Amino acid sequence: MNASHDQRIARMTFGSVYPHYIAKVEKKGRTIQELQQVITWLTGYDETQLQRLIDNKATFENFFEGAILHPNAHLITGTICGYRIETIENPLTQQVRYLDKLVDELAKGRKMEKILRQN
């Protein structure tokens, strides 16, 4: 991964990606409520705060600046988009990939307690 890739991710808006998350999980029989539960677990944002971030066209940089990352977020490991999450050096890129991985796990039918790293 290089600096221009990291910058591109930082400048993307959460609101531009969120509909893709919804489509991905709904296509696999999961719900928006489950998606929001996963996002809330990772970031601390509730539904109202998420909507405000979307309305304000928050970039991923802004999105994660205001987030309170779950203490177990470091337990999110594996590969996403061809990158091993635990070796990503840029903290923001790693946080975005955490979110991508959680959405992926939700879409793949993983049990919620596993997604939320509860055991």
PDB file of N, CA and C in Angstrom:
ATOM      1  N   MET A   1       0.841  -1.172   0.000  1.00  0.00           N
ATOM      2  CA  MET A   1       0.000   0.000   0.000  1.00  0.00           C
ATOM      3  C   MET A   1       0.886   1.234   0.000  1.00  0.00           C
ATOM      4  N   ASN A   2       0.446   2.274  -0.691  1.00  0.00           N
ATOM      5  CA  ASN A   2       1.279   3.471  -0.747  1.00  0.00           C
ATOM      6  C   ASN A   2       0.518   4.699  -0.251  1.00  0.00           C
ATOM      7  N   ALA A   3       1.239   5.807  -0.159  1.00  0.00           N
ATOM      8  CA  ALA A   3       0.662   7.030   0.402  1.00  0.00           C
ATOM      9  C   ALA A   3      -0.527   7.537  -0.406  1.00  0.00           C
ATOM     10  N   SER A   4      -0.483   7.420  -1.732  1.00  0.00           N
ATOM     11  CA  SER A   4      -1.607   7.920  -2.534  1.00  0.00           C
ATOM     12  C   SER A   4      -2.855   7.062  -2.294  1.00  0.00           C
ATOM     13  N   HIS A   5      -2.670   5.772  -2.087  1.00  0.00           N
ATOM     14  CA  HIS A   5      -3.788   4.882  -1.754  1.00  0.00           C
ATOM     15  C   HIS A   5      -4.392   5.298  -0.412  1.00  0.00           C
ATOM     16  N   ASP A   6      -3.535   5.552   0.578  1.00  0.00           N
ATOM     17  CA  ASP A   6      -3.994   5.990   1.897  1.00  0.00           C
ATOM     18  C   ASP A   6      -4.744   7.315   1.803  1.00  0.00           C
ATOM     19  N   GLN A   7      -4.229   8.243   0.998  1.00  0.00           N
ATOM     20  CA  GLN A   7      -4.881   9.547   0.828  1.00  0.00           C
ATOM     21  C   GLN A   7      -6.249   9.414   0.162  1.00  0.00           C
ATOM     22  N   ARG A   8      -6.329   8.531  -0.831  1.00  0.00           N
ATOM     23  CA  ARG A   8      -7.596   8.310  -1.529  1.00  0.00           C
ATOM     24  C   ARG A   8      -8.651   7.788  -0.555  1.00  0.00           C
ATOM     25  N   ILE A   9      -8.258   6.851   0.296  1.00  0.00           N
ATOM     26  CA  ILE A   9      -9.178   6.317   1.296  1.00  0.00           C
ATOM     27  C   ILE A   9      -9.594   7.409   2.275  1.00  0.00           C
ATOM     28  N   ALA A  10      -8.653   8.220   2.732  1.00  0.00           N
ATOM     29  CA  ALA A  10      -8.934   9.285   3.695  1.00  0.00           C
ATOM     30  C   ALA A  10      -9.952  10.285   3.143  1.00  0.00           C
ATOM     31  N   ARG A  11      -9.894  10.556   1.832  1.00  0.00           N
ATOM     32  CA  ARG A  11     -10.767  11.559   1.214  1.00  0.00           C
ATOM     33  C   ARG A  11     -12.140  11.019   0.808  1.00  0.00           C
ATOM     34  N   MET A  12     -12.282   9.693   0.740  1.00  0.00           N
ATOM     35  CA  MET A  12     -13.586   9.119   0.378  1.00  0.00           C
ATOM     36  C   MET A  12     -14.595   9.465   1.460  1.00  0.00           C
ATOM     37  N   THR A  13     -15.845   9.705   1.073  1.00  0.00           N
ATOM     38  CA  THR A  13     -16.852   9.998   2.084  1.00  0.00           C
ATOM     39  C   THR A  13     -17.521   8.712   2.539  1.00  0.00           C
ATOM     40  N   PHE A  14     -17.820   8.677   3.829  1.00  0.00           N
ATOM     41  CA  PHE A  14     -18.513   7.522   4.398  1.00  0.00           C
ATOM     42  C   PHE A  14     -19.856   7.330   3.688  1.00  0.00           C
ATOM     43  N   GLY A  15     -20.547   8.438   3.419  1.00  0.00           N
ATOM     44  CA  GLY A  15     -21.856   8.377   2.771  1.00  0.00           C
ATOM     45  C   GLY A  15     -21.826   7.785   1.376  1.00  0.00           C
ATOM     46  N   SER A  16     -20.682   7.872   0.693  1.00  0.00           N
ATOM     47  CA  SER A  16     -20.586   7.300  -0.651  1.00  0.00           C
ATOM     48  C   SER A  16     -20.395   5.778  -0.589  1.00  0.00           C
ATOM     49  N   VAL A  17     -19.881   5.280   0.515  1.00  0.00           N
ATOM     50  CA  VAL A  17     -19.608   3.856   0.663  1.00  0.00           C
ATOM     51  C   VAL A  17     -20.751   3.141   1.391  1.00  0.00           C
ATOM     52  N   TYR A  18     -21.422   3.842   2.282  1.00  0.00           N
ATOM     53  CA  TYR A  18     -22.484   3.248   3.105  1.00  0.00           C
ATOM     54  C   TYR A  18     -23.549   2.511   2.285  1.00  0.00           C
ATOM     55  N   PRO A  19     -24.062   3.085   1.175  1.00  0.00           N
ATOM     56  CA  PRO A  19     -25.060   2.345   0.374  1.00  0.00           C
ATOM     57  C   PRO A  19     -24.522   1.008  -0.155  1.00  0.00           C
ATOM     58  N   HIS A  20     -23.228   0.952  -0.422  1.00  0.00           N
ATOM     59  CA  HIS A  20     -22.614  -0.307  -0.880  1.00  0.00           C
ATOM     60  C   HIS A  20     -22.589  -1.334   0.255  1.00  0.00           C
ATOM     61  N   TYR A  21     -22.326  -0.854   1.472  1.00  0.00           N
ATOM     62  CA  TYR A  21     -22.380  -1.743   2.637  1.00  0.00           C
ATOM     63  C   TYR A  21     -23.796  -2.313   2.784  1.00  0.00           C
ATOM     64  N   ILE A  22     -24.793  -1.422   2.683  1.00  0.00           N
ATOM     65  CA  ILE A  22     -26.195  -1.854   2.817  1.00  0.00           C
ATOM     66  C   ILE A  22     -26.524  -2.903   1.757  1.00  0.00           C
ATOM     67  N   ALA A  23     -26.198  -2.600   0.507  1.00  0.00           N
ATOM     68  CA  ALA A  23     -26.500  -3.527  -0.595  1.00  0.00           C
ATOM     69  C   ALA A  23     -25.823  -4.878  -0.365  1.00  0.00           C
ATOM     70  N   LYS A  24     -24.592  -4.844   0.078  1.00  0.00           N
ATOM     71  CA  LYS A  24     -23.833  -6.084   0.278  1.00  0.00           C
ATOM     72  C   LYS A  24     -24.473  -6.968   1.348  1.00  0.00           C
ATOM     73  N   VAL A  25     -24.853  -6.371   2.477  1.00  0.00           N
ATOM     74  CA  VAL A  25     -25.409  -7.187   3.557  1.00  0.00           C
ATOM     75  C   VAL A  25     -26.840  -7.620   3.257  1.00  0.00           C
ATOM     76  N   GLU A  26     -27.635  -6.728   2.648  1.00  0.00           N
ATOM     77  CA  GLU A  26     -29.020  -7.088   2.336  1.00  0.00           C
ATOM     78  C   GLU A  26     -29.094  -8.185   1.286  1.00  0.00           C
ATOM     79  N   LYS A  27     -28.176  -8.154   0.334  1.00  0.00           N
ATOM     80  CA  LYS A  27     -28.135  -9.178  -0.715  1.00  0.00           C
ATOM     81  C   LYS A  27     -27.923 -10.565  -0.102  1.00  0.00           C
ATOM     82  N   LYS A  28     -27.269 -10.589   1.048  1.00  0.00           N
ATOM     83  CA  LYS A  28     -26.975 -11.851   1.723  1.00  0.00           C
ATOM     84  C   LYS A  28     -27.953 -12.144   2.865  1.00  0.00           C
ATOM     85  N   GLY A  29     -29.061 -11.391   2.926  1.00  0.00           N
ATOM     86  CA  GLY A  29     -30.103 -11.672   3.910  1.00  0.00           C
ATOM     87  C   GLY A  29     -29.887 -11.061   5.285  1.00  0.00           C
ATOM     88  N   ARG A  30     -28.945 -10.142   5.412  1.00  0.00           N
ATOM     89  CA  ARG A  30     -28.750  -9.452   6.689  1.00  0.00           C
ATOM     90  C   ARG A  30     -29.485  -8.117   6.628  1.00  0.00           C
ATOM     91  N   THR A  31     -29.606  -7.448   7.773  1.00  0.00           N
ATOM     92  CA  THR A  31     -30.425  -6.232   7.840  1.00  0.00           C
ATOM     93  C   THR A  31     -29.576  -4.982   8.051  1.00  0.00           C
ATOM     94  N   ILE A  32     -30.192  -3.830   7.754  1.00  0.00           N
ATOM     95  CA  ILE A  32     -29.543  -2.538   8.025  1.00  0.00           C
ATOM     96  C   ILE A  32     -29.295  -2.400   9.524  1.00  0.00           C
ATOM     97  N   GLN A  33     -30.224  -2.905  10.337  1.00  0.00           N
ATOM     98  CA  GLN A  33     -30.058  -2.829  11.794  1.00  0.00           C
ATOM     99  C   GLN A  33     -28.796  -3.591  12.232  1.00  0.00           C
ATOM    100  N   GLU A  34     -28.569  -4.758  11.619  1.00  0.00           N
ATOM    101  CA  GLU A  34     -27.360  -5.516  11.953  1.00  0.00           C
ATOM    102  C   GLU A  34     -26.112  -4.755  11.502  1.00  0.00           C
ATOM    103  N   LEU A  35     -26.190  -4.152  10.329  1.00  0.00           N
ATOM    104  CA  LEU A  35     -25.077  -3.343   9.835  1.00  0.00           C
ATOM    105  C   LEU A  35     -24.792  -2.202  10.806  1.00  0.00           C
ATOM    106  N   GLN A  36     -25.842  -1.520  11.244  1.00  0.00           N
ATOM    107  CA  GLN A  36     -25.649  -0.405  12.168  1.00  0.00           C
ATOM    108  C   GLN A  36     -25.096  -0.880  13.509  1.00  0.00           C
ATOM    109  N   GLN A  37     -25.512  -2.067  13.935  1.00  0.00           N
ATOM    110  CA  GLN A  37     -24.983  -2.629  15.184  1.00  0.00           C
ATOM    111  C   GLN A  37     -23.467  -2.834  15.070  1.00  0.00           C
ATOM    112  N   VAL A  38     -23.031  -3.340  13.931  1.00  0.00           N
ATOM    113  CA  VAL A  38     -21.609  -3.586  13.692  1.00  0.00           C
ATOM    114  C   VAL A  38     -20.837  -2.259  13.653  1.00  0.00           C
ATOM    115  N   ILE A  39     -21.376  -1.273  12.947  1.00  0.00           N
ATOM    116  CA  ILE A  39     -20.706   0.034  12.854  1.00  0.00           C
ATOM    117  C   ILE A  39     -20.650   0.699  14.231  1.00  0.00           C
ATOM    118  N   THR A  40     -21.750   0.612  14.987  1.00  0.00           N
ATOM    119  CA  THR A  40     -21.781   1.184  16.338  1.00  0.00           C
ATOM    120  C   THR A  40     -20.757   0.506  17.235  1.00  0.00           C
ATOM    121  N   TRP A  41     -20.659  -0.816  17.134  1.00  0.00           N
ATOM    122  CA  TRP A  41     -19.674  -1.545  17.952  1.00  0.00           C
ATOM    123  C   TRP A  41     -18.262  -1.025  17.665  1.00  0.00           C
ATOM    124  N   LEU A  42     -17.929  -0.882  16.377  1.00  0.00           N
ATOM    125  CA  LEU A  42     -16.576  -0.457  16.012  1.00  0.00           C
ATOM    126  C   LEU A  42     -16.309   1.002  16.366  1.00  0.00           C
ATOM    127  N   THR A  43     -17.272   1.886  16.102  1.00  0.00           N
ATOM    128  CA  THR A  43     -17.010   3.329  16.157  1.00  0.00           C
ATOM    129  C   THR A  43     -17.622   4.069  17.342  1.00  0.00           C
ATOM    130  N   GLY A  44     -18.644   3.487  17.964  1.00  0.00           N
ATOM    131  CA  GLY A  44     -19.362   4.183  19.030  1.00  0.00           C
ATOM    132  C   GLY A  44     -20.470   5.088  18.514  1.00  0.00           C
ATOM    133  N   TYR A  45     -20.593   5.242  17.192  1.00  0.00           N
ATOM    134  CA  TYR A  45     -21.627   6.113  16.627  1.00  0.00           C
ATOM    135  C   TYR A  45     -22.988   5.425  16.682  1.00  0.00           C
ATOM    136  N   ASP A  46     -24.018   6.189  17.101  1.00  0.00           N
ATOM    137  CA  ASP A  46     -25.373   5.652  17.029  1.00  0.00           C
ATOM    138  C   ASP A  46     -25.983   6.027  15.676  1.00  0.00           C
ATOM    139  N   GLU A  47     -27.216   5.599  15.458  1.00  0.00           N
ATOM    140  CA  GLU A  47     -27.884   5.811  14.167  1.00  0.00           C
ATOM    141  C   GLU A  47     -27.979   7.296  13.804  1.00  0.00           C
ATOM    142  N   THR A  48     -28.310   8.133  14.775  1.00  0.00           N
ATOM    143  CA  THR A  48     -28.442   9.576  14.533  1.00  0.00           C
ATOM    144  C   THR A  48     -27.107  10.184  14.138  1.00  0.00           C
ATOM    145  N   GLN A  49     -26.053   9.796  14.848  1.00  0.00           N
ATOM    146  CA  GLN A  49     -24.720  10.312  14.535  1.00  0.00           C
ATOM    147  C   GLN A  49     -24.269   9.849  13.151  1.00  0.00           C
ATOM    148  N   LEU A  50     -24.560   8.597  12.803  1.00  0.00           N
ATOM    149  CA  LEU A  50     -24.205   8.100  11.467  1.00  0.00           C
ATOM    150  C   LEU A  50     -24.900   8.915  10.390  1.00  0.00           C
ATOM    151  N   GLN A  51     -26.184   9.176  10.596  1.00  0.00           N
ATOM    152  CA  GLN A  51     -26.928   9.946   9.604  1.00  0.00           C
ATOM    153  C   GLN A  51     -26.359  11.357   9.474  1.00  0.00           C
ATOM    154  N   ARG A  52     -25.963  11.950  10.589  1.00  0.00           N
ATOM    155  CA  ARG A  52     -25.366  13.299  10.566  1.00  0.00           C
ATOM    156  C   ARG A  52     -24.055  13.279   9.765  1.00  0.00           C
ATOM    157  N   LEU A  53     -23.251  12.240   9.973  1.00  0.00           N
ATOM    158  CA  LEU A  53     -21.988  12.113   9.237  1.00  0.00           C
ATOM    159  C   LEU A  53     -22.251  11.971   7.734  1.00  0.00           C
ATOM    160  N   ILE A  54     -23.274  11.206   7.382  1.00  0.00           N
ATOM    161  CA  ILE A  54     -23.640  11.042   5.972  1.00  0.00           C
ATOM    162  C   ILE A  54     -24.113  12.378   5.400  1.00  0.00           C
ATOM    163  N   ASP A  55     -25.011  13.043   6.131  1.00  0.00           N
ATOM    164  CA  ASP A  55     -25.555  14.340   5.676  1.00  0.00           C
ATOM    165  C   ASP A  55     -24.458  15.390   5.507  1.00  0.00           C
ATOM    166  N   ASN A  56     -23.463  15.354   6.385  1.00  0.00           N
ATOM    167  CA  ASN A  56     -22.371  16.327   6.347  1.00  0.00           C
ATOM    168  C   ASN A  56     -21.241  15.932   5.403  1.00  0.00           C
ATOM    169  N   LYS A  57     -21.443  14.812   4.689  1.00  0.00           N
ATOM    170  CA  LYS A  57     -20.457  14.319   3.726  1.00  0.00           C
ATOM    171  C   LYS A  57     -19.078  14.135   4.369  1.00  0.00           C
ATOM    172  N   ALA A  58     -19.084  13.530   5.556  1.00  0.00           N
ATOM    173  CA  ALA A  58     -17.839  13.290   6.291  1.00  0.00           C
ATOM    174  C   ALA A  58     -16.936  12.336   5.514  1.00  0.00           C
ATOM    175  N   THR A  59     -15.676  12.717   5.402  1.00  0.00           N
ATOM    176  CA  THR A  59     -14.691  11.813   4.804  1.00  0.00           C
ATOM    177  C   THR A  59     -14.379  10.716   5.818  1.00  0.00           C
ATOM    178  N   PHE A  60     -13.727   9.649   5.366  1.00  0.00           N
ATOM    179  CA  PHE A  60     -13.335   8.607   6.315  1.00  0.00           C
ATOM    180  C   PHE A  60     -12.385   9.176   7.365  1.00  0.00           C
ATOM    181  N   GLU A  61     -11.579  10.168   6.966  1.00  0.00           N
ATOM    182  CA  GLU A  61     -10.688  10.809   7.931  1.00  0.00           C
ATOM    183  C   GLU A  61     -11.503  11.460   9.048  1.00  0.00           C
ATOM    184  N   ASN A  62     -12.526  12.252   8.683  1.00  0.00           N
ATOM    185  CA  ASN A  62     -13.412  12.882   9.676  1.00  0.00           C
ATOM    186  C   ASN A  62     -14.176  11.827  10.475  1.00  0.00           C
ATOM    187  N   PHE A  63     -14.644  10.812   9.764  1.00  0.00           N
ATOM    188  CA  PHE A  63     -15.444   9.744  10.370  1.00  0.00           C
ATOM    189  C   PHE A  63     -14.676   9.086  11.516  1.00  0.00           C
ATOM    190  N   PHE A  64     -13.435   8.699  11.255  1.00  0.00           N
ATOM    191  CA  PHE A  64     -12.676   7.997  12.290  1.00  0.00           C
ATOM    192  C   PHE A  64     -12.033   8.930  13.310  1.00  0.00           C
ATOM    193  N   GLU A  65     -11.861  10.225  12.951  1.00  0.00           N
ATOM    194  CA  GLU A  65     -11.358  11.196  13.945  1.00  0.00           C
ATOM    195  C   GLU A  65     -12.311  11.290  15.122  1.00  0.00           C
ATOM    196  N   GLY A  66     -13.614  11.252  14.834  1.00  0.00           N
ATOM    197  CA  GLY A  66     -14.612  11.401  15.890  1.00  0.00           C
ATOM    198  C   GLY A  66     -15.054  10.092  16.517  1.00  0.00           C
ATOM    199  N   ALA A  67     -14.590   8.983  15.978  1.00  0.00           N
ATOM    200  CA  ALA A  67     -15.008   7.670  16.473  1.00  0.00           C
ATOM    201  C   ALA A  67     -14.260   7.304  17.746  1.00  0.00           C
ATOM    202  N   ILE A  68     -14.929   6.514  18.571  1.00  0.00           N
ATOM    203  CA  ILE A  68     -14.278   5.930  19.740  1.00  0.00           C
ATOM    204  C   ILE A  68     -14.161   4.440  19.422  1.00  0.00           C
ATOM    205  N   LEU A  69     -12.982   4.065  18.932  1.00  0.00           N
ATOM    206  CA  LEU A  69     -12.775   2.697  18.466  1.00  0.00           C
ATOM    207  C   LEU A  69     -12.927   1.696  19.613  1.00  0.00           C
ATOM    208  N   HIS A  70     -13.642   0.621  19.333  1.00  0.00           N
ATOM    209  CA  HIS A  70     -13.850  -0.416  20.350  1.00  0.00           C
ATOM    210  C   HIS A  70     -12.494  -0.983  20.795  1.00  0.00           C
ATOM    211  N   PRO A  71     -12.330  -1.243  22.102  1.00  0.00           N
ATOM    212  CA  PRO A  71     -11.052  -1.767  22.582  1.00  0.00           C
ATOM    213  C   PRO A  71     -10.652  -3.112  21.945  1.00  0.00           C
ATOM    214  N   ASN A  72     -11.624  -3.866  21.441  1.00  0.00           N
ATOM    215  CA  ASN A  72     -11.307  -5.146  20.802  1.00  0.00           C
ATOM    216  C   ASN A  72     -11.119  -5.036  19.288  1.00  0.00           C
ATOM    217  N   ALA A  73     -11.096  -3.826  18.759  1.00  0.00           N
ATOM    218  CA  ALA A  73     -10.940  -3.656  17.305  1.00  0.00           C
ATOM    219  C   ALA A  73      -9.661  -4.314  16.800  1.00  0.00           C
ATOM    220  N   HIS A  74      -8.623  -4.335  17.620  1.00  0.00           N
ATOM    221  CA  HIS A  74      -7.353  -4.950  17.204  1.00  0.00           C
ATOM    222  C   HIS A  74      -7.486  -6.456  16.956  1.00  0.00           C
ATOM    223  N   LEU A  75      -8.585  -7.044  17.419  1.00  0.00           N
ATOM    224  CA  LEU A  75      -8.819  -8.474  17.192  1.00  0.00           C
ATOM    225  C   LEU A  75      -9.344  -8.754  15.784  1.00  0.00           C
ATOM    226  N   ILE A  76      -9.647  -7.698  15.035  1.00  0.00           N
ATOM    227  CA  ILE A  76     -10.103  -7.861  13.650  1.00  0.00           C
ATOM    228  C   ILE A  76      -8.867  -8.127  12.799  1.00  0.00           C
ATOM    229  N   THR A  77      -8.768  -9.351  12.304  1.00  0.00           N
ATOM    230  CA  THR A  77      -7.602  -9.746  11.530  1.00  0.00           C
ATOM    231  C   THR A  77      -8.048 -10.440  10.253  1.00  0.00           C
ATOM    232  N   GLY A  78      -7.100 -10.762   9.424  1.00  0.00           N
ATOM    233  CA  GLY A  78      -7.398 -11.439   8.169  1.00  0.00           C
ATOM    234  C   GLY A  78      -7.106 -10.536   6.995  1.00  0.00           C
ATOM    235  N   THR A  79      -7.586 -10.936   5.832  1.00  0.00           N
ATOM    236  CA  THR A  79      -7.342 -10.125   4.637  1.00  0.00           C
ATOM    237  C   THR A  79      -8.637  -9.522   4.129  1.00  0.00           C
ATOM    238  N   ILE A  80      -8.490  -8.341   3.573  1.00  0.00           N
ATOM    239  CA  ILE A  80      -9.614  -7.643   2.929  1.00  0.00           C
ATOM    240  C   ILE A  80      -9.019  -6.861   1.772  1.00  0.00           C
ATOM    241  N   CYS A  81      -9.624  -6.971   0.624  1.00  0.00           N
ATOM    242  CA  CYS A  81      -9.140  -6.282  -0.578  1.00  0.00           C
ATOM    243  C   CYS A  81      -7.670  -6.621  -0.867  1.00  0.00           C
ATOM    244  N   GLY A  82      -7.263  -7.826  -0.513  1.00  0.00           N
ATOM    245  CA  GLY A  82      -5.902  -8.267  -0.798  1.00  0.00           C
ATOM    246  C   GLY A  82      -4.853  -7.823   0.211  1.00  0.00           C
ATOM    247  N   TYR A  83      -5.274  -7.152   1.271  1.00  0.00           N
ATOM    248  CA  TYR A  83      -4.328  -6.674   2.281  1.00  0.00           C
ATOM    249  C   TYR A  83      -4.562  -7.386   3.605  1.00  0.00           C
ATOM    250  N   ARG A  84      -3.492  -7.744   4.288  1.00  0.00           N
ATOM    251  CA  ARG A  84      -3.592  -8.330   5.627  1.00  0.00           C
ATOM    252  C   ARG A  84      -3.786  -7.173   6.605  1.00  0.00           C
ATOM    253  N   ILE A  85      -4.948  -7.144   7.254  1.00  0.00           N
ATOM    254  CA  ILE A  85      -5.352  -6.007   8.095  1.00  0.00           C
ATOM    255  C   ILE A  85      -4.330  -5.686   9.178  1.00  0.00           C
ATOM    256  N   GLU A  86      -3.839  -6.720   9.853  1.00  0.00           N
ATOM    257  CA  GLU A  86      -2.960  -6.467  10.994  1.00  0.00           C
ATOM    258  C   GLU A  86      -1.590  -5.912  10.609  1.00  0.00           C
ATOM    259  N   THR A  87      -1.255  -5.918   9.315  1.00  0.00           N
ATOM    260  CA  THR A  87       0.046  -5.373   8.899  1.00  0.00           C
ATOM    261  C   THR A  87      -0.072  -4.007   8.205  1.00  0.00           C
ATOM    262  N   ILE A  88      -1.282  -3.472   8.106  1.00  0.00           N
ATOM    263  CA  ILE A  88      -1.457  -2.149   7.492  1.00  0.00           C
ATOM    264  C   ILE A  88      -0.870  -1.097   8.430  1.00  0.00           C
ATOM    265  N   GLU A  89       0.054  -0.312   7.913  1.00  0.00           N
ATOM    266  CA  GLU A  89       0.786   0.637   8.758  1.00  0.00           C
ATOM    267  C   GLU A  89       0.041   1.949   8.992  1.00  0.00           C
ATOM    268  N   ASN A  90      -0.713   2.408   8.009  1.00  0.00           N
ATOM    269  CA  ASN A  90      -1.438   3.672   8.165  1.00  0.00           C
ATOM    270  C   ASN A  90      -2.663   3.422   9.055  1.00  0.00           C
ATOM    271  N   PRO A  91      -2.731   4.105  10.219  1.00  0.00           N
ATOM    272  CA  PRO A  91      -3.829   3.834  11.162  1.00  0.00           C
ATOM    273  C   PRO A  91      -5.225   4.051  10.560  1.00  0.00           C
ATOM    274  N   LEU A  92      -5.411   5.122   9.783  1.00  0.00           N
ATOM    275  CA  LEU A  92      -6.719   5.386   9.198  1.00  0.00           C
ATOM    276  C   LEU A  92      -7.099   4.296   8.188  1.00  0.00           C
ATOM    277  N   THR A  93      -6.177   3.934   7.326  1.00  0.00           N
ATOM    278  CA  THR A  93      -6.444   2.879   6.348  1.00  0.00           C
ATOM    279  C   THR A  93      -6.790   1.583   7.071  1.00  0.00           C
ATOM    280  N   GLN A  94      -6.087   1.299   8.148  1.00  0.00           N
ATOM    281  CA  GLN A  94      -6.368   0.093   8.921  1.00  0.00           C
ATOM    282  C   GLN A  94      -7.778   0.151   9.520  1.00  0.00           C
ATOM    283  N   GLN A  95      -8.191   1.302  10.021  1.00  0.00           N
ATOM    284  CA  GLN A  95      -9.523   1.446  10.602  1.00  0.00           C
ATOM    285  C   GLN A  95     -10.611   1.259   9.545  1.00  0.00           C
ATOM    286  N   VAL A  96     -10.401   1.822   8.355  1.00  0.00           N
ATOM    287  CA  VAL A  96     -11.368   1.647   7.264  1.00  0.00           C
ATOM    288  C   VAL A  96     -11.453   0.166   6.896  1.00  0.00           C
ATOM    289  N   ARG A  97     -10.324  -0.509   6.864  1.00  0.00           N
ATOM    290  CA  ARG A  97     -10.313  -1.948   6.546  1.00  0.00           C
ATOM    291  C   ARG A  97     -10.945  -2.774   7.655  1.00  0.00           C
ATOM    292  N   TYR A  98     -10.838  -2.325   8.906  1.00  0.00           N
ATOM    293  CA  TYR A  98     -11.580  -2.982   9.996  1.00  0.00           C
ATOM    294  C   TYR A  98     -13.073  -2.972   9.651  1.00  0.00           C
ATOM    295  N   LEU A  99     -13.554  -1.797   9.289  1.00  0.00           N
ATOM    296  CA  LEU A  99     -14.973  -1.650   8.959  1.00  0.00           C
ATOM    297  C   LEU A  99     -15.345  -2.522   7.765  1.00  0.00           C
ATOM    298  N   ASP A 100     -14.523  -2.503   6.727  1.00  0.00           N
ATOM    299  CA  ASP A 100     -14.773  -3.351   5.556  1.00  0.00           C
ATOM    300  C   ASP A 100     -14.855  -4.820   5.948  1.00  0.00           C
ATOM    301  N   LYS A 101     -13.954  -5.252   6.813  1.00  0.00           N
ATOM    302  CA  LYS A 101     -13.903  -6.658   7.230  1.00  0.00           C
ATOM    303  C   LYS A 101     -15.159  -7.034   8.012  1.00  0.00           C
ATOM    304  N   LEU A 102     -15.609  -6.148   8.901  1.00  0.00           N
ATOM    305  CA  LEU A 102     -16.820  -6.432   9.670  1.00  0.00           C
ATOM    306  C   LEU A 102     -18.037  -6.552   8.759  1.00  0.00           C
ATOM    307  N   VAL A 103     -18.141  -5.668   7.780  1.00  0.00           N
ATOM    308  CA  VAL A 103     -19.240  -5.723   6.813  1.00  0.00           C
ATOM    309  C   VAL A 103     -19.166  -7.026   6.025  1.00  0.00           C
ATOM    310  N   ASP A 104     -17.969  -7.403   5.645  1.00  0.00           N
ATOM    311  CA  ASP A 104     -17.747  -8.645   4.913  1.00  0.00           C
ATOM    312  C   ASP A 104     -18.191  -9.851   5.739  1.00  0.00           C
ATOM    313  N   GLU A 105     -17.798  -9.881   6.995  1.00  0.00           N
ATOM    314  CA  GLU A 105     -18.175 -10.991   7.874  1.00  0.00           C
ATOM    315  C   GLU A 105     -19.691 -11.059   8.056  1.00  0.00           C
ATOM    316  N   LEU A 106     -20.325  -9.897   8.191  1.00  0.00           N
ATOM    317  CA  LEU A 106     -21.785  -9.840   8.320  1.00  0.00           C
ATOM    318  C   LEU A 106     -22.434 -10.422   7.069  1.00  0.00           C
ATOM    319  N   ALA A 107     -21.960  -9.995   5.909  1.00  0.00           N
ATOM    320  CA  ALA A 107     -22.516 -10.468   4.642  1.00  0.00           C
ATOM    321  C   ALA A 107     -22.299 -11.970   4.455  1.00  0.00           C
ATOM    322  N   LYS A 108     -21.225 -12.483   5.008  1.00  0.00           N
ATOM    323  CA  LYS A 108     -20.930 -13.920   4.862  1.00  0.00           C
ATOM    324  C   LYS A 108     -21.696 -14.785   5.859  1.00  0.00           C
ATOM    325  N   GLY A 109     -22.546 -14.145   6.679  1.00  0.00           N
ATOM    326  CA  GLY A 109     -23.384 -14.910   7.587  1.00  0.00           C
ATOM    327  C   GLY A 109     -22.738 -15.283   8.905  1.00  0.00           C
ATOM    328  N   ARG A 110     -21.645 -14.660   9.228  1.00  0.00           N
ATOM    329  CA  ARG A 110     -20.982 -14.954  10.502  1.00  0.00           C
ATOM    330  C   ARG A 110     -21.891 -14.544  11.663  1.00  0.00           C
ATOM    331  N   LYS A 111     -21.828 -15.286  12.748  1.00  0.00           N
ATOM    332  CA  LYS A 111     -22.640 -14.979  13.929  1.00  0.00           C
ATOM    333  C   LYS A 111     -22.212 -13.629  14.505  1.00  0.00           C
ATOM    334  N   MET A 112     -23.210 -12.860  14.975  1.00  0.00           N
ATOM    335  CA  MET A 112     -22.952 -11.514  15.492  1.00  0.00           C
ATOM    336  C   MET A 112     -21.931 -11.519  16.634  1.00  0.00           C
ATOM    337  N   GLU A 113     -22.013 -12.483  17.552  1.00  0.00           N
ATOM    338  CA  GLU A 113     -21.056 -12.468  18.670  1.00  0.00           C
ATOM    339  C   GLU A 113     -19.627 -12.685  18.201  1.00  0.00           C
ATOM    340  N   LYS A 114     -19.444 -13.383  17.072  1.00  0.00           N
ATOM    341  CA  LYS A 114     -18.099 -13.559  16.500  1.00  0.00           C
ATOM    342  C   LYS A 114     -17.648 -12.266  15.838  1.00  0.00           C
ATOM    343  N   ILE A 115     -18.562 -11.633  15.096  1.00  0.00           N
ATOM    344  CA  ILE A 115     -18.241 -10.363  14.425  1.00  0.00           C
ATOM    345  C   ILE A 115     -17.834  -9.317  15.464  1.00  0.00           C
ATOM    346  N   LEU A 116     -18.569  -9.290  16.574  1.00  0.00           N
ATOM    347  CA  LEU A 116     -18.318  -8.293  17.610  1.00  0.00           C
ATOM    348  C   LEU A 116     -17.229  -8.734  18.598  1.00  0.00           C
ATOM    349  N   ARG A 117     -16.506  -9.777  18.226  1.00  0.00           N
ATOM    350  CA  ARG A 117     -15.335 -10.248  18.989  1.00  0.00           C
ATOM    351  C   ARG A 117     -15.657 -10.426  20.474  1.00  0.00           C
ATOM    352  N   GLN A 118     -16.770 -11.126  20.732  1.00  0.00           N
ATOM    353  CA  GLN A 118     -17.202 -11.310  22.123  1.00  0.00           C
ATOM    354  C   GLN A 118     -16.729 -12.607  22.746  1.00  0.00           C
ATOM    355  N   ASN A 119     -16.094 -13.476  21.963  1.00  0.00           N
ATOM    356  CA  ASN A 119     -15.576 -14.695  22.577  1.00  0.00           C
ATOM    357  C   ASN A 119     -14.415 -15.247  21.786  1.00  0.00           C
TER     358      ASN A 119
END
